[in-house]
Amino acid sequence: MTETNRTAQSGVQPRPVVGLLPKYAAGKPPEAVPGLESFKLSSNENPLGPVPAVLDVLRTAHDVHRYPDTSCTLLRNALAAFLDVPADDIVTGAGSLGALNQILAAFSGQNSDGIQDEVVYAWRSFEAYPICVGLAGAKSVQVPVCADGSHDLDAMAAAVTKNTKVVLLCTPNNPTGTALRVQETEDFIRSIPTNVAIVVDEAYEEFVRADQAVDGLALYRKYPNVLVLRTFSKAHGLAGLRVGYSISQPSVTLYLRAAAAPFAVSGIAEQAAVASLENYKQVVERVQSLVDERDRVMAGLSALGWHVPDAQGNFVWLELGANSQEFAALAQSQALSVRAFGDEGVRVSIGEIEANTRFLEICASYTKAPRRS
């Protein structure tokens, strides 16, 4: 009996919303091409990996038979000292995505009267957002980004209704790469009812170099309804260990702890994250080398006449529209995997120097570049 037939005969059926959810499409590995080294530029991973101290932790781990501290006390205390925030304001999760799921579970869903809470966010943005919102039982309200890939904050404010419970601000925005600025964001926050949770998703915060870029911590200190999401997956190179966290006021963390999945962060992951914080100078050096490469790639694209949104993460966004799949296939033929989003565009992670150079060479040969209209 085929798997399809077995599924059809099963009496176990998911909630209707599950069948309506988009599928998360993780970045694919590159295909082998004779004579070329393959590079993965499809998942915004840190190609340099973690600092040596983290590798030492992984090599010497010996207590995997024990459950981790569900409160991640060691890591929260380390973060508290590092960020100058109270440890009680930090709630850990399995990556920033796990921390986001805890926020959505606590503050949005479907109510006893059958009315769904609404979650407002820019689109296109992080592709997991509609999945997470849908599974929480809430309704996605997607607001198109501006032509330059930035959040249309005026339109997002206008989209907020009495049913809105959460607003997601992704900065830098994945996949378009643009970062929010302080004044526009504060104006936006002040225009939103104070009973709406405003989540500032800063997964790529360490890569930002733009003037007047938002600092989520400053917003959290100033506005009680602001929550900050951060992760060890990108700058720290711990994507496979799944360590993230949220920062919010005590009146919020009270509910986040109730919604948190027990043991979401393993003991090894917690120790690795602490070791990375203790060697943050090395993390900064690695991040800066990637920022330098990002700037080289952006300059190269500009020299070719390509119009690309301001890149503040560890990736660039090519608004190739209907040519997106064609470009991704071309890159794959040159042993580079990139991330195509339907017929909207292509996101290319900043990788190894050789990979970035080959990407620019592909762009130089491609005749359908995105250009200013």
Protein backbone atom coordinates (compact mmCIF):
# COMPACT_ATOMS: atom_id res chain seq x y z
CA MET A 1 0.00 0.00 0.00
CA THR A 2 1.38 3.41 -0.94
CA GLU A 3 1.87 6.15 1.62
CA THR A 4 -0.83 8.21 -0.11
CA ASN A 5 -3.36 5.38 0.16
CA ARG A 6 -2.48 4.77 3.80
CA THR A 7 -3.01 8.45 4.56
CA ALA A 8 -6.32 8.49 2.71
CA GLN A 9 -7.60 5.52 4.73
CA SER A 10 -6.51 6.91 8.06
CA GLY A 11 -9.19 8.33 10.31
CA VAL A 12 -6.72 10.72 11.91
CA GLN A 13 -7.03 14.16 10.35
CA PRO A 14 -5.24 17.42 11.20
CA ARG A 15 -6.90 20.68 12.08
CA PRO A 16 -8.15 22.39 8.89
CA VAL A 17 -5.60 25.18 9.28
CA VAL A 18 -2.72 22.73 8.85
CA GLY A 19 -3.69 22.00 5.27
CA LEU A 20 -3.81 25.71 4.50
CA LEU A 21 -0.35 26.53 5.83
CA PRO A 22 2.52 27.27 3.46
CA LYS A 23 5.38 24.79 3.62
CA TYR A 24 8.70 25.95 5.00
CA ALA A 25 11.33 25.49 2.29
CA ALA A 26 14.78 25.21 3.86
CA GLY A 27 17.77 26.19 1.77
CA LYS A 28 19.02 23.27 -0.29
CA PRO A 29 22.64 22.12 -0.39
CA PRO A 30 24.56 22.72 -3.62
CA GLU A 31 24.85 20.05 -6.27
CA ALA A 32 28.25 18.64 -7.12
CA VAL A 33 29.71 20.07 -10.32
CA PRO A 34 32.90 18.50 -11.71
CA GLY A 35 35.89 20.81 -11.35
CA LEU A 36 34.18 23.23 -8.96
CA GLU A 37 34.05 23.42 -5.18
CA SER A 38 30.44 23.58 -4.02
CA PHE A 39 29.15 26.30 -1.71
CA LYS A 40 25.85 26.67 0.13
CA LEU A 41 24.54 30.24 -0.01
CA SER A 42 20.90 29.40 0.60
CA SER A 43 20.40 29.38 4.39
CA ASN A 44 22.09 32.51 5.81
CA GLU A 45 24.48 30.33 7.77
CA ASN A 46 27.76 31.63 9.13
CA PRO A 47 30.36 29.94 6.89
CA LEU A 48 33.10 30.58 9.46
CA GLY A 49 31.42 28.50 12.13
CA PRO A 50 31.69 29.03 15.90
CA VAL A 51 34.75 30.29 17.78
CA PRO A 52 37.31 27.66 18.95
CA ALA A 53 36.08 27.75 22.55
CA VAL A 54 32.70 26.47 21.41
CA LEU A 55 34.32 23.54 19.63
CA ASP A 56 36.15 22.73 22.87
CA VAL A 57 32.81 22.60 24.67
CA LEU A 58 31.38 20.24 22.08
CA ARG A 59 34.42 17.95 22.21
CA THR A 60 34.37 17.65 25.99
CA ALA A 61 30.63 17.34 26.61
CA HIS A 62 29.93 14.32 28.82
CA ASP A 63 26.53 14.86 30.43
CA VAL A 64 24.16 14.31 27.54
CA HIS A 65 22.34 11.70 29.62
CA ARG A 66 21.11 14.48 31.93
CA TYR A 67 18.20 16.83 31.31
CA PRO A 68 19.25 20.46 30.88
CA ASP A 69 18.28 23.27 33.21
CA THR A 70 14.89 24.19 31.80
CA SER A 71 15.40 27.82 32.90
CA CYS A 72 18.84 28.08 31.23
CA THR A 73 20.09 29.88 34.32
CA LEU A 74 23.75 29.85 33.28
CA LEU A 75 23.02 31.38 29.88
CA ARG A 76 20.47 33.89 31.14
CA ASN A 77 22.93 35.15 33.74
CA ALA A 78 25.65 35.43 31.10
CA LEU A 79 23.31 37.32 28.78
CA ALA A 80 22.16 39.56 31.61
CA ALA A 81 25.74 40.66 32.25
CA PHE A 82 26.53 40.93 28.54
CA LEU A 83 23.42 42.96 27.61
CA ASP A 84 22.96 44.80 30.91
CA VAL A 85 19.42 43.55 31.40
CA PRO A 86 17.84 41.61 34.30
CA ALA A 87 18.16 37.86 33.88
CA ASP A 88 14.45 37.55 34.68
CA ASP A 89 13.67 39.54 31.52
CA ILE A 90 15.21 36.80 29.34
CA VAL A 91 13.35 33.69 28.19
CA THR A 92 15.29 31.18 26.12
CA GLY A 93 13.96 29.08 23.25
CA ALA A 94 15.04 26.74 20.49
CA GLY A 95 16.46 29.48 18.29
CA SER A 96 14.69 32.80 17.87
CA LEU A 97 11.98 30.83 16.05
CA GLY A 98 11.30 28.81 19.19
CA ALA A 99 11.23 32.01 21.22
CA LEU A 100 8.77 33.50 18.71
CA ASN A 101 6.49 30.48 18.99
CA GLN A 102 6.38 31.02 22.74
CA ILE A 103 5.32 34.63 22.20
CA LEU A 104 2.58 33.68 19.74
CA ALA A 105 1.33 30.87 21.98
CA ALA A 106 1.07 33.28 24.90
CA PHE A 107 -0.51 36.26 23.16
CA SER A 108 -2.37 35.18 20.04
CA GLY A 109 -4.73 32.43 18.92
CA GLN A 110 -8.43 31.73 18.57
CA ASN A 111 -10.69 32.89 21.35
CA SER A 112 -13.67 31.16 22.95
CA ASP A 113 -16.00 33.24 20.77
CA GLY A 114 -14.34 31.82 17.66
CA ILE A 115 -12.74 35.13 16.66
CA GLN A 116 -9.08 34.87 15.71
CA ASP A 117 -6.50 37.25 17.06
CA GLU A 118 -4.56 39.04 14.35
CA VAL A 119 -0.80 39.18 13.87
CA VAL A 120 0.45 41.97 11.61
CA TYR A 121 3.76 41.73 9.79
CA ALA A 122 5.48 42.91 6.62
CA TRP A 123 5.55 40.68 3.55
CA ARG A 124 7.70 39.43 2.14
CA SER A 125 9.45 38.71 5.41
CA PHE A 126 10.64 35.61 7.29
CA GLU A 127 8.79 32.72 5.66
CA ALA A 128 8.17 30.96 8.98
CA TYR A 129 5.91 33.78 10.19
CA PRO A 130 2.68 32.63 8.46
CA ILE A 131 3.34 29.04 9.56
CA CYS A 132 3.89 29.99 13.20
CA VAL A 133 0.92 32.36 13.26
CA GLY A 134 -1.38 29.77 11.68
CA LEU A 135 -0.35 27.00 14.06
CA ALA A 136 -0.98 29.34 16.99
CA GLY A 137 -4.56 29.66 15.74
CA ALA A 138 -4.22 33.34 14.88
CA LYS A 139 -4.79 35.19 11.61
CA SER A 140 -1.94 36.59 9.53
CA VAL A 141 -2.28 40.16 8.31
CA GLN A 142 0.45 40.66 5.74
CA VAL A 143 1.38 44.18 4.68
CA PRO A 144 3.42 44.47 1.46
CA VAL A 145 6.91 45.91 1.83
CA CYS A 146 7.86 49.13 0.07
CA ALA A 147 9.56 49.11 -3.32
CA ASP A 148 12.96 49.28 -1.64
CA GLY A 149 12.21 46.18 0.47
CA SER A 150 11.63 48.12 3.70
CA HIS A 151 8.67 47.88 6.06
CA ASP A 152 5.73 50.13 5.13
CA LEU A 153 5.15 51.22 8.72
CA ASP A 154 2.31 53.58 7.88
CA ALA A 155 0.41 50.79 6.16
CA MET A 156 1.20 48.41 9.01
CA ALA A 157 -0.17 50.88 11.54
CA ALA A 158 -3.32 51.24 9.44
CA ALA A 159 -3.70 47.44 9.41
CA VAL A 160 -3.93 47.24 13.21
CA THR A 161 -7.47 46.62 14.47
CA LYS A 162 -9.13 45.83 17.78
CA ASN A 163 -8.32 42.16 17.08
CA THR A 164 -4.59 42.74 16.63
CA LYS A 165 -2.59 41.18 19.43
CA VAL A 166 0.94 41.02 17.97
CA VAL A 167 3.00 42.99 15.44
CA LEU A 168 6.20 41.50 14.07
CA LEU A 169 9.03 43.79 12.95
CA CYS A 170 11.88 41.91 11.28
CA THR A 171 15.04 44.04 11.21
CA PRO A 172 17.08 43.51 9.15
CA ASN A 173 14.22 42.08 7.17
CA ASN A 174 14.72 38.56 5.88
CA PRO A 175 14.95 38.24 2.89
CA THR A 176 15.09 41.85 1.66
CA GLY A 177 17.88 42.91 4.04
CA THR A 178 16.70 46.39 5.01
CA ALA A 179 16.91 47.63 8.61
CA LEU A 180 14.43 49.81 10.46
CA ARG A 181 15.50 53.27 11.64
CA VAL A 182 15.00 54.62 15.14
CA GLN A 183 12.68 57.58 14.55
CA GLU A 184 10.30 55.84 12.15
CA THR A 185 10.06 52.85 14.47
CA GLU A 186 9.39 54.90 17.58
CA ASP A 187 6.73 56.88 15.72
CA PHE A 188 5.18 53.56 14.74
CA ILE A 189 5.27 52.13 18.26
CA ARG A 190 3.61 55.24 19.68
CA SER A 191 0.81 54.89 17.13
CA ILE A 192 -0.04 51.34 18.22
CA PRO A 193 -2.27 50.55 21.23
CA THR A 194 -0.17 49.63 24.24
CA ASN A 195 -1.97 46.30 24.66
CA VAL A 196 -0.47 45.06 21.37
CA ALA A 197 2.80 43.14 21.69
CA ILE A 198 5.41 44.55 19.29
CA VAL A 199 8.09 41.98 18.54
CA VAL A 200 11.41 43.28 17.19
CA ASP A 201 13.04 40.29 15.50
CA GLU A 202 16.79 40.97 15.46
CA ALA A 203 18.20 37.66 14.28
CA TYR A 204 20.84 39.52 12.22
CA GLU A 205 21.46 42.42 14.60
CA GLU A 206 25.23 41.92 14.79
CA PHE A 207 25.62 42.53 11.05
CA VAL A 208 23.90 45.93 10.99
CA ARG A 209 26.05 48.95 10.15
CA ALA A 210 23.40 51.45 8.98
CA ASP A 211 23.23 54.86 10.60
CA GLN A 212 20.31 55.34 12.98
CA ALA A 213 19.40 51.66 12.86
CA VAL A 214 17.00 50.43 15.51
CA ASP A 215 18.37 48.92 18.69
CA GLY A 216 15.75 46.57 20.05
CA LEU A 217 17.14 46.74 23.57
CA ALA A 218 16.68 50.50 23.69
CA LEU A 219 13.07 50.06 22.57
CA TYR A 220 12.40 47.35 25.16
CA ARG A 221 13.72 49.63 27.89
CA LYS A 222 11.50 52.49 26.74
CA TYR A 223 8.25 50.74 25.73
CA PRO A 224 6.72 48.04 27.98
CA ASN A 225 4.94 46.33 25.07
CA VAL A 226 8.13 45.78 23.03
CA LEU A 227 9.70 42.32 22.97
CA VAL A 228 13.09 41.58 21.38
CA LEU A 229 14.08 38.36 19.63
CA ARG A 230 17.73 37.36 19.20
CA THR A 231 19.63 34.22 18.31
CA PHE A 232 23.00 32.49 18.43
CA SER A 233 22.40 30.93 15.00
CA LYS A 234 23.81 33.66 12.78
CA ALA A 235 26.66 35.76 14.16
CA HIS A 236 27.74 33.11 16.66
CA GLY A 237 27.55 30.27 14.13
CA LEU A 238 25.44 27.95 16.34
CA ALA A 239 22.57 27.33 13.91
CA GLY A 240 22.64 23.57 14.50
CA LEU A 241 22.46 23.91 18.28
CA ARG A 242 19.22 25.96 18.34
CA VAL A 243 19.74 28.68 20.92
CA GLY A 244 17.64 31.83 20.91
CA TYR A 245 15.91 34.08 23.39
CA SER A 246 13.44 36.88 23.92
CA ILE A 247 13.85 39.95 26.10
CA SER A 248 10.82 41.68 27.57
CA GLN A 249 9.47 43.32 30.68
CA PRO A 250 8.50 41.17 33.71
CA SER A 251 4.79 41.68 33.01
CA VAL A 252 5.39 39.87 29.70
CA THR A 253 7.94 37.21 30.66
CA LEU A 254 5.46 35.95 33.25
CA TYR A 255 3.33 34.59 30.40
CA LEU A 256 6.20 33.58 28.15
CA ARG A 257 7.54 31.22 30.78
CA ALA A 258 4.11 29.62 31.03
CA ALA A 259 4.14 29.07 27.24
CA ALA A 260 7.78 27.97 26.98
CA ALA A 261 8.58 24.42 25.93
CA PRO A 262 10.49 22.63 28.72
CA PHE A 263 14.10 21.69 27.92
CA ALA A 264 13.98 23.55 24.58
CA VAL A 265 17.69 24.43 24.82
CA SER A 266 20.00 21.50 25.45
CA GLY A 267 22.73 21.63 28.07
CA ILE A 268 25.42 21.43 25.40
CA ALA A 269 23.83 24.29 23.48
CA GLU A 270 23.65 26.41 26.63
CA GLN A 271 27.34 25.80 27.44
CA ALA A 272 28.32 26.55 23.85
CA ALA A 273 26.38 29.83 23.85
CA VAL A 274 28.04 30.92 27.10
CA ALA A 275 31.47 30.06 25.69
CA SER A 276 30.70 32.15 22.60
CA LEU A 277 29.71 35.13 24.75
CA GLU A 278 32.91 34.77 26.77
CA ASN A 279 34.88 35.03 23.52
CA TYR A 280 32.75 37.71 21.91
CA LYS A 281 35.74 39.64 20.59
CA GLN A 282 36.43 36.72 18.26
CA VAL A 283 32.77 36.62 17.24
CA VAL A 284 32.94 40.32 16.34
CA GLU A 285 36.05 39.76 14.23
CA ARG A 286 34.33 36.99 12.29
CA VAL A 287 31.18 39.04 11.81
CA GLN A 288 33.21 42.00 10.55
CA SER A 289 34.93 39.81 7.99
CA LEU A 290 31.50 38.80 6.69
CA VAL A 291 30.33 42.43 6.68
CA ASP A 292 33.43 43.32 4.66
CA GLU A 293 32.53 40.58 2.19
CA ARG A 294 28.94 41.80 2.08
CA ASP A 295 30.18 45.28 1.25
CA ARG A 296 32.43 43.85 -1.49
CA VAL A 297 29.50 41.96 -2.99
CA MET A 298 27.24 45.03 -2.83
CA ALA A 299 29.90 47.17 -4.48
CA GLY A 300 30.36 44.54 -7.17
CA LEU A 301 26.64 44.38 -7.89
CA SER A 302 26.45 48.17 -8.03
CA ALA A 303 29.34 48.27 -10.49
CA LEU A 304 27.39 45.83 -12.68
CA GLY A 305 24.37 48.13 -12.59
CA TRP A 306 22.29 45.82 -10.43
CA HIS A 307 19.71 47.46 -8.16
CA VAL A 308 19.78 45.72 -4.78
CA PRO A 309 18.10 46.81 -1.50
CA ASP A 310 20.34 48.05 1.29
CA ALA A 311 21.80 44.85 2.77
CA GLN A 312 22.19 44.89 6.55
CA GLY A 313 22.11 41.15 7.24
CA ASN A 314 24.48 38.44 6.03
CA PHE A 315 22.71 38.16 2.68
CA VAL A 316 21.64 40.16 -0.37
CA TRP A 317 18.25 40.24 -2.09
CA LEU A 318 17.88 40.14 -5.86
CA GLU A 319 14.39 41.16 -6.97
CA LEU A 320 14.46 39.05 -10.11
CA GLY A 321 10.71 38.40 -10.32
CA ALA A 322 9.82 35.84 -12.96
CA ASN A 323 13.52 35.21 -13.58
CA SER A 324 14.18 34.00 -10.04
CA GLN A 325 14.07 30.27 -10.72
CA GLU A 326 16.19 30.69 -13.84
CA PHE A 327 18.89 32.52 -11.90
CA ALA A 328 18.84 29.95 -9.11
CA ALA A 329 19.29 27.16 -11.67
CA LEU A 330 22.19 29.06 -13.25
CA ALA A 331 23.86 29.40 -9.86
CA GLN A 332 23.29 25.70 -9.18
CA SER A 333 24.99 24.85 -12.46
CA GLN A 334 28.03 26.67 -11.07
CA ALA A 335 27.95 24.72 -7.78
CA LEU A 336 26.28 27.50 -5.76
CA SER A 337 22.96 26.95 -4.01
CA VAL A 338 20.92 30.11 -3.50
CA ARG A 339 17.38 30.59 -2.20
CA ALA A 340 14.72 31.46 -4.75
CA PHE A 341 11.34 32.65 -3.45
CA GLY A 342 8.84 31.71 -6.14
CA ASP A 343 8.69 34.41 -8.78
CA GLU A 344 9.60 37.21 -6.37
CA GLY A 345 13.34 37.15 -5.94
CA VAL A 346 16.50 35.36 -4.87
CA ARG A 347 18.27 35.62 -1.54
CA VAL A 348 22.01 34.95 -1.59
CA SER A 349 23.89 34.44 1.67
CA ILE A 350 27.34 35.90 2.13
CA GLY A 351 29.66 32.93 2.16
CA GLU A 352 33.28 32.09 1.63
CA ILE A 353 35.39 34.53 -0.43
CA GLU A 354 35.57 32.14 -3.38
CA ALA A 355 31.81 31.61 -3.28
CA ASN A 356 31.09 35.34 -3.24
CA THR A 357 33.47 35.94 -6.14
CA ARG A 358 31.84 33.20 -8.19
CA PHE A 359 28.42 34.69 -7.42
CA LEU A 360 29.55 38.05 -8.79
CA GLU A 361 30.94 36.34 -11.90
CA ILE A 362 27.54 34.72 -12.47
CA CYS A 363 25.85 38.09 -12.10
CA ALA A 364 28.28 39.64 -14.58
CA SER A 365 27.19 37.10 -17.17
CA TYR A 366 23.47 37.34 -16.46
CA THR A 367 21.56 39.70 -18.72
CA LYS A 368 18.30 40.09 -16.76
CA ALA A 369 19.54 42.03 -13.78
CA PRO A 370 17.13 43.88 -11.47
CA ARG A 371 17.52 47.57 -12.26
CA ARG A 372 15.92 50.77 -11.05
CA SER A 373 12.57 51.43 -12.72
